[in-house]
PDB file of N, CA and C in Angstrom:
ATOM      1  N   MET A   1     108.472 -20.019 138.932  1.00  0.00           N
ATOM      2  CA  MET A   1     108.699 -18.849 139.474  1.00  0.00           C
ATOM      3  C   MET A   1     110.051 -18.351 139.409  1.00  0.00           C
ATOM      4  N   HIS A   2     111.140 -19.201 139.555  1.00  0.00           N
ATOM      5  CA  HIS A   2     112.539 -18.708 139.485  1.00  0.00           C
ATOM      6  C   HIS A   2     113.017 -19.000 138.189  1.00  0.00           C
ATOM      7  N   LYS A   3     112.193 -19.399 137.185  1.00  0.00           N
ATOM      8  CA  LYS A   3     112.715 -19.658 135.918  1.00  0.00           C
ATOM      9  C   LYS A   3     113.291 -18.536 135.165  1.00  0.00           C
ATOM     10  N   LYS A   4     112.553 -17.391 135.246  1.00  0.00           N
ATOM     11  CA  LYS A   4     112.932 -16.276 134.572  1.00  0.00           C
ATOM     12  C   LYS A   4     114.283 -15.657 134.849  1.00  0.00           C
ATOM     13  N   PRO A   5     114.536 -15.457 136.330  1.00  0.00           N
ATOM     14  CA  PRO A   5     115.842 -14.825 136.665  1.00  0.00           C
ATOM     15  C   PRO A   5     116.988 -15.869 136.376  1.00  0.00           C
ATOM     16  N   LEU A   6     116.712 -17.017 136.484  1.00  0.00           N
ATOM     17  CA  LEU A   6     117.741 -18.131 136.278  1.00  0.00           C
ATOM     18  C   LEU A   6     118.101 -18.125 134.722  1.00  0.00           C
ATOM     19  N   LEU A   7     117.092 -18.210 133.908  1.00  0.00           N
ATOM     20  CA  LEU A   7     117.350 -18.169 132.459  1.00  0.00           C
ATOM     21  C   LEU A   7     117.956 -16.763 132.039  1.00  0.00           C
ATOM     22  N   SER A   8     117.661 -15.653 132.687  1.00  0.00           N
ATOM     23  CA  SER A   8     118.354 -14.420 132.373  1.00  0.00           C
ATOM     24  C   SER A   8     119.841 -14.620 132.827  1.00  0.00           C
ATOM     25  N   PHE A   9     120.146 -15.038 133.928  1.00  0.00           N
ATOM     26  CA  PHE A   9     121.493 -15.244 134.466  1.00  0.00           C
ATOM     27  C   PHE A   9     122.313 -16.011 133.481  1.00  0.00           C
ATOM     28  N   PHE A  10     121.780 -17.251 133.051  1.00  0.00           N
ATOM     29  CA  PHE A  10     122.530 -18.042 132.084  1.00  0.00           C
ATOM     30  C   PHE A  10     122.576 -17.452 130.574  1.00  0.00           C
ATOM     31  N   GLY A  11     121.560 -16.672 130.362  1.00  0.00           N
ATOM     32  CA  GLY A  11     121.646 -15.905 129.022  1.00  0.00           C
ATOM     33  C   GLY A  11     122.855 -14.935 129.049  1.00  0.00           C
ATOM     34  N   ILE A  12     122.900 -14.265 130.126  1.00  0.00           N
ATOM     35  CA  ILE A  12     123.919 -13.144 130.281  1.00  0.00           C
ATOM     36  C   ILE A  12     125.293 -13.748 130.344  1.00  0.00           C
ATOM     37  N   ALA A  13     125.424 -14.966 131.106  1.00  0.00           N
ATOM     38  CA  ALA A  13     126.742 -15.688 131.240  1.00  0.00           C
ATOM     39  C   ALA A  13     127.245 -16.240 129.883  1.00  0.00           C
ATOM     40  N   PHE A  14     126.148 -16.720 129.091  1.00  0.00           N
ATOM     41  CA  PHE A  14     126.594 -17.294 127.686  1.00  0.00           C
ATOM     42  C   PHE A  14     127.051 -16.096 126.803  1.00  0.00           C
ATOM     43  N   ALA A  15     126.352 -14.988 126.904  1.00  0.00           N
ATOM     44  CA  ALA A  15     126.709 -13.915 126.068  1.00  0.00           C
ATOM     45  C   ALA A  15     128.064 -13.442 126.521  1.00  0.00           C
ATOM     46  N   LEU A  16     128.387 -13.282 127.658  1.00  0.00           N
ATOM     47  CA  LEU A  16     129.734 -12.996 128.180  1.00  0.00           C
ATOM     48  C   LEU A  16     130.932 -13.940 127.602  1.00  0.00           C
ATOM     49  N   MET A  17     130.452 -15.199 127.704  1.00  0.00           N
ATOM     50  CA  MET A  17     131.563 -16.134 127.202  1.00  0.00           C
ATOM     51  C   MET A  17     131.750 -16.055 125.686  1.00  0.00           C
ATOM     52  N   ILE A  18     130.692 -15.798 124.859  1.00  0.00           N
ATOM     53  CA  ILE A  18     130.836 -15.551 123.469  1.00  0.00           C
ATOM     54  C   ILE A  18     131.593 -14.285 123.154  1.00  0.00           C
ATOM     55  N   VAL A  19     131.405 -13.223 123.971  1.00  0.00           N
ATOM     56  CA  VAL A  19     132.123 -12.006 123.656  1.00  0.00           C
ATOM     57  C   VAL A  19     133.542 -12.069 124.056  1.00  0.00           C
ATOM     58  N   SER A  20     133.906 -12.783 125.153  1.00  0.00           N
ATOM     59  CA  SER A  20     135.295 -12.855 125.561  1.00  0.00           C
ATOM     60  C   SER A  20     136.143 -13.909 124.743  1.00  0.00           C
ATOM     61  N   CYS A  21     135.585 -14.600 123.741  1.00  0.00           N
ATOM     62  CA  CYS A  21     136.340 -15.545 122.874  1.00  0.00           C
ATOM     63  C   CYS A  21     137.136 -14.694 122.034  1.00  0.00           C
ATOM     64  N   GLU A  22     138.227 -15.232 121.580  1.00  0.00           N
ATOM     65  CA  GLU A  22     139.093 -14.750 120.447  1.00  0.00           C
ATOM     66  C   GLU A  22     139.553 -15.854 119.626  1.00  0.00           C
ATOM     67  N   ARG A  23     139.710 -15.417 118.210  1.00  0.00           N
ATOM     68  CA  ARG A  23     140.131 -16.460 117.314  1.00  0.00           C
ATOM     69  C   ARG A  23     141.548 -16.719 117.524  1.00  0.00           C
ATOM     70  N   LEU A  24     142.086 -18.028 117.466  1.00  0.00           N
ATOM     71  CA  LEU A  24     143.426 -18.314 117.502  1.00  0.00           C
ATOM     72  C   LEU A  24     144.034 -18.442 116.170  1.00  0.00           C
ATOM     73  N   ASP A  25     145.235 -18.083 116.044  1.00  0.00           N
ATOM     74  CA  ASP A  25     145.946 -18.103 114.767  1.00  0.00           C
ATOM     75  C   ASP A  25     146.076 -19.637 114.371  1.00  0.00           C
ATOM     76  N   GLU A  26     146.085 -19.896 113.066  1.00  0.00           N
ATOM     77  CA  GLU A  26     146.419 -21.278 112.614  1.00  0.00           C
ATOM     78  C   GLU A  26     147.925 -21.464 112.756  1.00  0.00           C
ATOM     79  N   PRO A  27     148.290 -22.700 113.259  1.00  0.00           N
ATOM     80  CA  PRO A  27     149.768 -23.073 113.271  1.00  0.00           C
ATOM     81  C   PRO A  27     150.289 -23.189 112.017  1.00  0.00           C
ATOM     82  N   ASP A  28     151.597 -22.636 111.893  1.00  0.00           N
ATOM     83  CA  ASP A  28     152.354 -22.636 110.670  1.00  0.00           C
ATOM     84  C   ASP A  28     153.202 -24.017 110.654  1.00  0.00           C
ATOM     85  N   PRO A  29     152.810 -25.076 109.831  1.00  0.00           N
ATOM     86  CA  PRO A  29     153.516 -26.257 109.856  1.00  0.00           C
ATOM     87  C   PRO A  29     154.920 -26.291 109.485  1.00  0.00           C
ATOM     88  N   TRP A  30     155.270 -25.112 108.690  1.00  0.00           N
ATOM     89  CA  TRP A  30     156.681 -24.911 108.192  1.00  0.00           C
ATOM     90  C   TRP A  30     157.644 -24.061 109.062  1.00  0.00           C
ATOM     91  N   ALA A  31     156.971 -23.615 110.313  1.00  0.00           N
ATOM     92  CA  ALA A  31     157.694 -22.698 111.094  1.00  0.00           C
ATOM     93  C   ALA A  31     158.732 -23.569 111.938  1.00  0.00           C
ATOM     94  N   GLY A  32     159.718 -22.803 112.470  1.00  0.00           N
ATOM     95  CA  GLY A  32     160.654 -23.548 113.285  1.00  0.00           C
ATOM     96  C   GLY A  32     161.908 -24.016 112.505  1.00  0.00           C
ATOM     97  N   GLU A  33     162.719 -24.837 113.284  1.00  0.00           N
ATOM     98  CA  GLU A  33     163.858 -25.296 112.727  1.00  0.00           C
ATOM     99  C   GLU A  33     163.702 -26.434 111.706  1.00  0.00           C
ATOM    100  N   PRO A  34     164.320 -26.492 110.662  1.00  0.00           N
ATOM    101  CA  PRO A  34     164.236 -27.674 109.720  1.00  0.00           C
ATOM    102  C   PRO A  34     164.637 -28.947 110.428  1.00  0.00           C
ATOM    103  N   MET A  35     164.015 -30.120 110.031  1.00  0.00           N
ATOM    104  CA  MET A  35     164.377 -31.410 110.594  1.00  0.00           C
ATOM    105  C   MET A  35     165.749 -31.899 109.960  1.00  0.00           C
ATOM    106  N   ASN A  36     166.631 -32.136 111.030  1.00  0.00           N
ATOM    107  CA  ASN A  36     167.913 -32.767 110.634  1.00  0.00           C
ATOM    108  C   ASN A  36     167.678 -34.282 110.841  1.00  0.00           C
ATOM    109  N   LEU A  37     167.686 -35.005 109.671  1.00  0.00           N
ATOM    110  CA  LEU A  37     167.460 -36.510 109.480  1.00  0.00           C
ATOM    111  C   LEU A  37     168.668 -37.172 110.239  1.00  0.00           C
ATOM    112  N   ASN A  38     169.944 -36.605 110.214  1.00  0.00           N
ATOM    113  CA  ASN A  38     171.124 -37.279 110.803  1.00  0.00           C
ATOM    114  C   ASN A  38     170.945 -37.360 112.293  1.00  0.00           C
ATOM    115  N   SER A  39     170.159 -36.400 112.876  1.00  0.00           N
ATOM    116  CA  SER A  39     169.964 -36.637 114.425  1.00  0.00           C
ATOM    117  C   SER A  39     169.238 -37.881 114.702  1.00  0.00           C
ATOM    118  N   PHE A  40     168.210 -38.443 113.736  1.00  0.00           N
ATOM    119  CA  PHE A  40     167.569 -39.562 114.004  1.00  0.00           C
ATOM    120  C   PHE A  40     168.193 -40.920 113.664  1.00  0.00           C
ATOM    121  N   LEU A  41     169.258 -40.805 112.682  1.00  0.00           N
ATOM    122  CA  LEU A  41     169.732 -42.038 112.240  1.00  0.00           C
ATOM    123  C   LEU A  41     170.986 -42.424 112.831  1.00  0.00           C
ATOM    124  N   ALA A  42     171.106 -43.814 113.037  1.00  0.00           N
ATOM    125  CA  ALA A  42     172.327 -44.414 113.679  1.00  0.00           C
ATOM    126  C   ALA A  42     173.458 -44.535 112.749  1.00  0.00           C
ATOM    127  N   GLU A  43     173.064 -44.540 111.412  1.00  0.00           N
ATOM    128  CA  GLU A  43     174.123 -44.874 110.342  1.00  0.00           C
ATOM    129  C   GLU A  43     173.762 -43.699 109.294  1.00  0.00           C
ATOM    130  N   ASP A  44     174.817 -43.620 108.306  1.00  0.00           N
ATOM    131  CA  ASP A  44     174.693 -42.677 107.247  1.00  0.00           C
ATOM    132  C   ASP A  44     173.990 -43.288 106.002  1.00  0.00           C
ATOM    133  N   ILE A  45     173.456 -42.471 105.123  1.00  0.00           N
ATOM    134  CA  ILE A  45     172.682 -43.026 104.037  1.00  0.00           C
ATOM    135  C   ILE A  45     173.789 -43.188 102.924  1.00  0.00           C
ATOM    136  N   PRO A  46     173.952 -44.500 102.458  1.00  0.00           N
ATOM    137  CA  PRO A  46     174.956 -44.772 101.577  1.00  0.00           C
ATOM    138  C   PRO A  46     175.016 -43.893 100.288  1.00  0.00           C
ATOM    139  N   LEU A  47     176.073 -43.569  99.778  1.00  0.00           N
ATOM    140  CA  LEU A  47     176.323 -42.867  98.531  1.00  0.00           C
ATOM    141  C   LEU A  47     175.848 -43.875  97.347  1.00  0.00           C
ATOM    142  N   ALA A  48     175.945 -45.012  97.472  1.00  0.00           N
ATOM    143  CA  ALA A  48     175.617 -46.080  96.496  1.00  0.00           C
ATOM    144  C   ALA A  48     174.182 -46.024  96.048  1.00  0.00           C
ATOM    145  N   HIS A  49     173.306 -45.355  96.923  1.00  0.00           N
ATOM    146  CA  HIS A  49     171.890 -45.352  96.564  1.00  0.00           C
ATOM    147  C   HIS A  49     171.713 -44.291  95.401  1.00  0.00           C
ATOM    148  N   GLY A  50     172.687 -43.366  95.177  1.00  0.00           N
ATOM    149  CA  GLY A  50     172.614 -42.407  94.112  1.00  0.00           C
ATOM    150  C   GLY A  50     172.153 -41.101  94.662  1.00  0.00           C
ATOM    151  N   ARG A  51     171.622 -40.222  93.799  1.00  0.00           N
ATOM    152  CA  ARG A  51     171.170 -38.874  93.961  1.00  0.00           C
ATOM    153  C   ARG A  51     169.893 -38.747  94.617  1.00  0.00           C
ATOM    154  N   PHE A  52     169.801 -38.188  95.673  1.00  0.00           N
ATOM    155  CA  PHE A  52     168.622 -38.062  96.528  1.00  0.00           C
ATOM    156  C   PHE A  52     167.520 -37.258  95.636  1.00  0.00           C
ATOM    157  N   VAL A  53     166.332 -37.710  95.606  1.00  0.00           N
ATOM    158  CA  VAL A  53     165.427 -36.971  94.696  1.00  0.00           C
ATOM    159  C   VAL A  53     164.193 -36.450  95.590  1.00  0.00           C
ATOM    160  N   SER A  54     163.732 -37.271  96.566  1.00  0.00           N
ATOM    161  CA  SER A  54     162.446 -36.928  97.149  1.00  0.00           C
ATOM    162  C   SER A  54     162.223 -37.641  98.432  1.00  0.00           C
ATOM    163  N   VAL A  55     161.282 -37.229  99.265  1.00  0.00           N
ATOM    164  CA  VAL A  55     160.947 -38.021 100.440  1.00  0.00           C
ATOM    165  C   VAL A  55     159.413 -38.125 100.543  1.00  0.00           C
ATOM    166  N   THR A  56     158.865 -39.086 100.892  1.00  0.00           N
ATOM    167  CA  THR A  56     157.337 -39.420 101.025  1.00  0.00           C
ATOM    168  C   THR A  56     157.062 -39.951 102.422  1.00  0.00           C
ATOM    169  N   THR A  57     155.989 -39.617 102.923  1.00  0.00           N
ATOM    170  CA  THR A  57     155.659 -40.281 104.301  1.00  0.00           C
ATOM    171  C   THR A  57     154.865 -41.470 104.191  1.00  0.00           C
ATOM    172  N   THR A  58     154.729 -42.323 105.136  1.00  0.00           N
ATOM    173  CA  THR A  58     153.969 -43.543 105.265  1.00  0.00           C
ATOM    174  C   THR A  58     152.799 -43.462 106.040  1.00  0.00           C
ATOM    175  N   GLN A  59     152.022 -44.396 106.424  1.00  0.00           N
ATOM    176  CA  GLN A  59     150.936 -44.540 107.325  1.00  0.00           C
ATOM    177  C   GLN A  59     151.655 -44.538 108.756  1.00  0.00           C
ATOM    178  N   ASN A  60     152.806 -45.074 108.796  1.00  0.00           N
ATOM    179  CA  ASN A  60     153.552 -45.124 110.196  1.00  0.00           C
ATOM    180  C   ASN A  60     154.152 -43.718 110.331  1.00  0.00           C
ATOM    181  N   PRO A  61     153.850 -42.956 111.308  1.00  0.00           N
ATOM    182  CA  PRO A  61     154.446 -41.705 111.636  1.00  0.00           C
ATOM    183  C   PRO A  61     156.008 -41.641 111.640  1.00  0.00           C
ATOM    184  N   PHE A  62     156.566 -42.819 111.997  1.00  0.00           N
ATOM    185  CA  PHE A  62     158.106 -42.979 112.237  1.00  0.00           C
ATOM    186  C   PHE A  62     158.814 -43.440 111.109  1.00  0.00           C
ATOM    187  N   VAL A  63     158.119 -43.761 109.885  1.00  0.00           N
ATOM    188  CA  VAL A  63     158.698 -44.222 108.861  1.00  0.00           C
ATOM    189  C   VAL A  63     158.482 -43.359 107.673  1.00  0.00           C
ATOM    190  N   VAL A  64     159.667 -43.006 106.913  1.00  0.00           N
ATOM    191  CA  VAL A  64     159.580 -42.392 105.707  1.00  0.00           C
ATOM    192  C   VAL A  64     160.275 -43.055 104.516  1.00  0.00           C
ATOM    193  N   THR A  65     159.794 -42.674 103.332  1.00  0.00           N
ATOM    194  CA  THR A  65     160.489 -43.340 102.172  1.00  0.00           C
ATOM    195  C   THR A  65     161.330 -42.354 101.420  1.00  0.00           C
ATOM    196  N   LEU A  66     162.595 -42.644 101.246  1.00  0.00           N
ATOM    197  CA  LEU A  66     163.565 -41.821 100.638  1.00  0.00           C
ATOM    198  C   LEU A  66     163.739 -42.325  99.104  1.00  0.00           C
ATOM    199  N   TRP A  67     163.643 -41.415  98.249  1.00  0.00           N
ATOM    200  CA  TRP A  67     163.714 -41.762  96.740  1.00  0.00           C
ATOM    201  C   TRP A  67     165.086 -41.351  96.185  1.00  0.00           C
ATOM    202  N   PHE A  68     165.770 -42.201  95.480  1.00  0.00           N
ATOM    203  CA  PHE A  68     166.901 -42.056  94.902  1.00  0.00           C
ATOM    204  C   PHE A  68     167.016 -42.262  93.433  1.00  0.00           C
ATOM    205  N   GLU A  69     167.840 -41.654  92.723  1.00  0.00           N
ATOM    206  CA  GLU A  69     168.063 -41.934  91.248  1.00  0.00           C
ATOM    207  C   GLU A  69     169.543 -42.285  91.068  1.00  0.00           C
ATOM    208  N   ARG A  70     169.861 -43.568  90.625  1.00  0.00           N
ATOM    209  CA  ARG A  70     171.046 -43.942  90.482  1.00  0.00           C
ATOM    210  C   ARG A  70     171.701 -43.423  89.102  1.00  0.00           C
ATOM    211  N   PRO A  71     172.951 -43.516  88.808  1.00  0.00           N
ATOM    212  CA  PRO A  71     173.565 -43.020  87.606  1.00  0.00           C
ATOM    213  C   PRO A  71     173.008 -43.612  86.415  1.00  0.00           C
ATOM    214  N   ASP A  72     172.658 -44.911  86.446  1.00  0.00           N
ATOM    215  CA  ASP A  72     171.947 -45.584  85.279  1.00  0.00           C
ATOM    216  C   ASP A  72     170.442 -45.250  85.104  1.00  0.00           C
ATOM    217  N   GLN A  73     169.900 -44.112  85.919  1.00  0.00           N
ATOM    218  CA  GLN A  73     168.624 -43.832  85.775  1.00  0.00           C
ATOM    219  C   GLN A  73     167.639 -44.642  86.400  1.00  0.00           C
ATOM    220  N   THR A  74     168.034 -45.573  87.241  1.00  0.00           N
ATOM    221  CA  THR A  74     167.218 -46.519  87.928  1.00  0.00           C
ATOM    222  C   THR A  74     166.732 -45.762  89.264  1.00  0.00           C
ATOM    223  N   VAL A  75     165.431 -45.838  89.509  1.00  0.00           N
ATOM    224  CA  VAL A  75     164.889 -45.210  90.704  1.00  0.00           C
ATOM    225  C   VAL A  75     164.637 -46.160  91.735  1.00  0.00           C
ATOM    226  N   ILE A  76     165.280 -45.898  92.920  1.00  0.00           N
ATOM    227  CA  ILE A  76     164.907 -46.790  94.061  1.00  0.00           C
ATOM    228  C   ILE A  76     164.375 -46.026  95.215  1.00  0.00           C
ATOM    229  N   ALA A  77     163.648 -46.853  96.156  1.00  0.00           N
ATOM    230  CA  ALA A  77     163.018 -46.264  97.284  1.00  0.00           C
ATOM    231  C   ALA A  77     163.612 -47.014  98.485  1.00  0.00           C
ATOM    232  N   VAL A  78     163.991 -46.279  99.561  1.00  0.00           N
ATOM    233  CA  VAL A  78     164.424 -46.853 100.703  1.00  0.00           C
ATOM    234  C   VAL A  78     163.637 -46.463 101.991  1.00  0.00           C
ATOM    235  N   ARG A  79     163.163 -47.296 102.842  1.00  0.00           N
ATOM    236  CA  ARG A  79     162.416 -46.847 103.976  1.00  0.00           C
ATOM    237  C   ARG A  79     163.450 -46.586 105.075  1.00  0.00           C
ATOM    238  N   VAL A  80     163.096 -45.468 105.864  1.00  0.00           N
ATOM    239  CA  VAL A  80     163.880 -45.119 107.015  1.00  0.00           C
ATOM    240  C   VAL A  80     163.050 -45.125 108.298  1.00  0.00           C
ATOM    241  N   ASN A  81     163.368 -45.700 109.265  1.00  0.00           N
ATOM    242  CA  ASN A  81     162.595 -45.713 110.443  1.00  0.00           C
ATOM    243  C   ASN A  81     163.228 -44.819 111.509  1.00  0.00           C
ATOM    244  N   THR A  82     162.732 -43.586 111.732  1.00  0.00           N
ATOM    245  CA  THR A  82     163.360 -42.502 112.506  1.00  0.00           C
ATOM    246  C   THR A  82     163.248 -42.831 114.064  1.00  0.00           C
ATOM    247  N   SER A  83     162.303 -43.721 114.508  1.00  0.00           N
ATOM    248  CA  SER A  83     162.225 -44.017 115.902  1.00  0.00           C
ATOM    249  C   SER A  83     163.424 -45.033 116.207  1.00  0.00           C
ATOM    250  N   ARG A  84     163.820 -45.925 115.374  1.00  0.00           N
ATOM    251  CA  ARG A  84     164.897 -46.863 115.790  1.00  0.00           C
ATOM    252  C   ARG A  84     166.086 -46.335 115.093  1.00  0.00           C
ATOM    253  N   GLY A  85     166.101 -45.469 114.123  1.00  0.00           N
ATOM    254  CA  GLY A  85     167.306 -44.879 113.525  1.00  0.00           C
ATOM    255  C   GLY A  85     167.908 -45.831 112.504  1.00  0.00           C
ATOM    256  N   THR A  86     167.144 -46.601 111.816  1.00  0.00           N
ATOM    257  CA  THR A  86     167.605 -47.639 110.917  1.00  0.00           C
ATOM    258  C   THR A  86     167.199 -47.356 109.597  1.00  0.00           C
ATOM    259  N   ILE A  87     168.053 -47.801 108.513  1.00  0.00           N
ATOM    260  CA  ILE A  87     167.615 -47.616 107.103  1.00  0.00           C
ATOM    261  C   ILE A  87     167.502 -48.960 106.642  1.00  0.00           C
ATOM    262  N   GLY A  88     166.385 -49.201 105.935  1.00  0.00           N
ATOM    263  CA  GLY A  88     166.012 -50.523 105.472  1.00  0.00           C
ATOM    264  C   GLY A  88     166.718 -50.814 104.062  1.00  0.00           C
ATOM    265  N   GLU A  89     166.540 -51.887 103.549  1.00  0.00           N
ATOM    266  CA  GLU A  89     167.006 -52.335 102.211  1.00  0.00           C
ATOM    267  C   GLU A  89     166.059 -51.678 101.131  1.00  0.00           C
ATOM    268  N   SER A  90     166.581 -51.715  99.928  1.00  0.00           N
ATOM    269  CA  SER A  90     165.811 -51.107  98.859  1.00  0.00           C
ATOM    270  C   SER A  90     164.362 -51.677  98.744  1.00  0.00           C
ATOM    271  N   VAL A  91     163.393 -51.025  98.891  1.00  0.00           N
ATOM    272  CA  VAL A  91     161.927 -51.417  98.892  1.00  0.00           C
ATOM    273  C   VAL A  91     161.564 -51.606  97.529  1.00  0.00           C
ATOM    274  N   ILE A  92     161.768 -50.589  96.615  1.00  0.00           N
ATOM    275  CA  ILE A  92     161.384 -50.483  95.117  1.00  0.00           C
ATOM    276  C   ILE A  92     162.515 -50.145  94.291  1.00  0.00           C
ATOM    277  N   SER A  93     162.592 -50.869  93.330  1.00  0.00           N
ATOM    278  CA  SER A  93     163.594 -50.622  92.257  1.00  0.00           C
ATOM    279  C   SER A  93     163.010 -50.588  90.867  1.00  0.00           C
ATOM    280  N   ILE A  94     163.090 -49.319  90.254  1.00  0.00           N
ATOM    281  CA  ILE A  94     162.232 -49.203  89.115  1.00  0.00           C
ATOM    282  C   ILE A  94     163.492 -48.935  87.909  1.00  0.00           C
ATOM    283  N   PRO A  95     163.676 -49.817  87.264  1.00  0.00           N
ATOM    284  CA  PRO A  95     164.713 -49.519  85.944  1.00  0.00           C
ATOM    285  C   PRO A  95     164.030 -48.726  84.943  1.00  0.00           C
ATOM    286  N   ARG A  96     164.815 -47.857  84.348  1.00  0.00           N
ATOM    287  CA  ARG A  96     164.362 -47.055  83.265  1.00  0.00           C
ATOM    288  C   ARG A  96     165.161 -47.356  81.987  1.00  0.00           C
ATOM    289  N   ARG A  97     164.534 -47.144  80.869  1.00  0.00           N
ATOM    290  CA  ARG A  97     165.187 -47.352  79.611  1.00  0.00           C
ATOM    291  C   ARG A  97     165.520 -46.104  78.969  1.00  0.00           C
TER     292      ARG A  97
END
Protein backbone atom coordinates (compact mmCIF):
# COMPACT_ATOMS: atom_id res chain seq x y z
CA MET A 1 0.00 0.00 0.00
CA HIS A 2 2.91 2.41 0.63
CA LYS A 3 5.07 0.94 -2.13
CA LYS A 4 3.94 3.26 -4.91
CA PRO A 5 4.66 6.60 -3.11
CA LEU A 6 7.97 5.24 -1.77
CA LEU A 7 9.00 4.00 -5.20
CA SER A 8 8.06 7.37 -6.74
CA PHE A 9 10.11 9.20 -4.11
CA PHE A 10 13.23 7.09 -4.77
CA GLY A 11 12.71 7.44 -8.53
CA ILE A 12 12.58 11.24 -8.28
CA ALA A 13 15.58 11.29 -5.92
CA PHE A 14 17.59 9.13 -8.32
CA ALA A 15 16.64 11.32 -11.28
CA LEU A 16 17.75 14.45 -9.38
CA MET A 17 21.08 12.83 -8.51
CA ILE A 18 21.68 11.95 -12.17
CA VAL A 19 20.76 15.45 -13.39
CA SER A 20 23.00 17.17 -10.81
CA CYS A 21 26.11 15.18 -11.81
CA GLU A 22 28.74 16.87 -13.92
CA ARG A 23 31.69 15.41 -15.76
CA LEU A 24 35.13 16.00 -14.24
CA ASP A 25 38.04 17.01 -16.43
CA GLU A 26 40.81 14.49 -16.95
CA PRO A 27 43.90 15.43 -14.92
CA ASP A 28 46.84 16.49 -17.07
CA PRO A 29 49.84 14.34 -16.03
CA TRP A 30 52.26 16.86 -17.57
CA ALA A 31 50.80 19.93 -15.84
CA GLY A 32 52.68 21.68 -13.08
CA GLU A 33 56.32 22.18 -12.33
CA PRO A 34 58.90 19.89 -13.93
CA MET A 35 60.52 17.49 -11.50
CA ASN A 36 63.94 18.55 -10.29
CA LEU A 37 65.89 15.34 -9.65
CA ASN A 38 68.57 17.25 -7.70
CA SER A 39 66.05 17.93 -4.95
CA PHE A 40 65.79 14.15 -4.39
CA LEU A 41 69.48 13.25 -4.60
CA ALA A 42 72.03 13.51 -1.82
CA GLU A 43 74.87 13.35 -4.35
CA ASP A 44 75.48 14.55 -7.92
CA ILE A 45 75.40 12.23 -10.91
CA PRO A 46 79.04 11.73 -11.97
CA LEU A 47 80.10 13.04 -15.38
CA ALA A 48 82.04 9.79 -15.84
CA HIS A 49 78.76 8.10 -16.72
CA GLY A 50 78.75 10.03 -19.99
CA ARG A 51 76.02 11.82 -21.91
CA PHE A 52 72.53 11.43 -20.45
CA VAL A 53 70.21 9.72 -22.94
CA SER A 54 66.97 8.70 -21.26
CA VAL A 55 65.12 7.76 -18.09
CA THR A 56 62.82 4.79 -17.53
CA THR A 57 60.64 3.81 -14.60
CA THR A 58 60.74 0.57 -12.65
CA GLN A 59 58.12 -1.39 -10.75
CA ASN A 60 59.21 0.45 -7.60
CA PRO A 61 57.71 3.97 -7.72
CA PHE A 62 60.79 5.41 -5.97
CA VAL A 63 63.39 3.92 -8.32
CA VAL A 64 64.18 5.12 -11.85
CA THR A 65 66.80 3.97 -14.33
CA LEU A 66 68.98 6.62 -15.95
CA TRP A 67 70.57 5.70 -19.30
CA PHE A 68 73.92 7.17 -20.35
CA GLU A 69 76.17 6.92 -23.40
CA ARG A 70 79.92 7.01 -22.81
CA PRO A 71 82.35 8.53 -25.34
CA ASP A 72 83.28 5.01 -26.57
CA GLN A 73 79.57 4.45 -27.45
CA THR A 74 79.01 2.09 -24.48
CA VAL A 75 75.50 2.38 -23.07
CA ILE A 76 75.11 2.07 -19.29
CA ALA A 77 72.12 2.13 -16.98
CA VAL A 78 72.23 3.43 -13.42
CA ARG A 79 69.46 3.03 -10.86
CA VAL A 80 68.49 6.04 -8.74
CA ASN A 81 66.46 5.66 -5.56
CA THR A 82 64.62 8.95 -5.04
CA SER A 83 63.29 8.04 -1.59
CA ARG A 84 66.81 7.54 -0.18
CA GLY A 85 68.51 9.98 -2.55
CA THR A 86 71.13 7.45 -3.62
CA ILE A 87 72.68 6.55 -6.95
CA GLY A 88 73.49 2.88 -7.49
CA GLU A 89 76.33 1.28 -9.37
CA SER A 90 76.10 0.62 -13.10
CA VAL A 91 73.37 -1.98 -13.50
CA ILE A 92 73.77 -2.64 -17.21
CA SER A 93 76.75 -2.02 -19.44
CA ILE A 94 76.20 -2.60 -23.17
CA PRO A 95 79.37 -2.28 -25.27
CA ARG A 96 78.90 -1.23 -28.89
CA ARG A 97 81.13 -1.96 -31.86
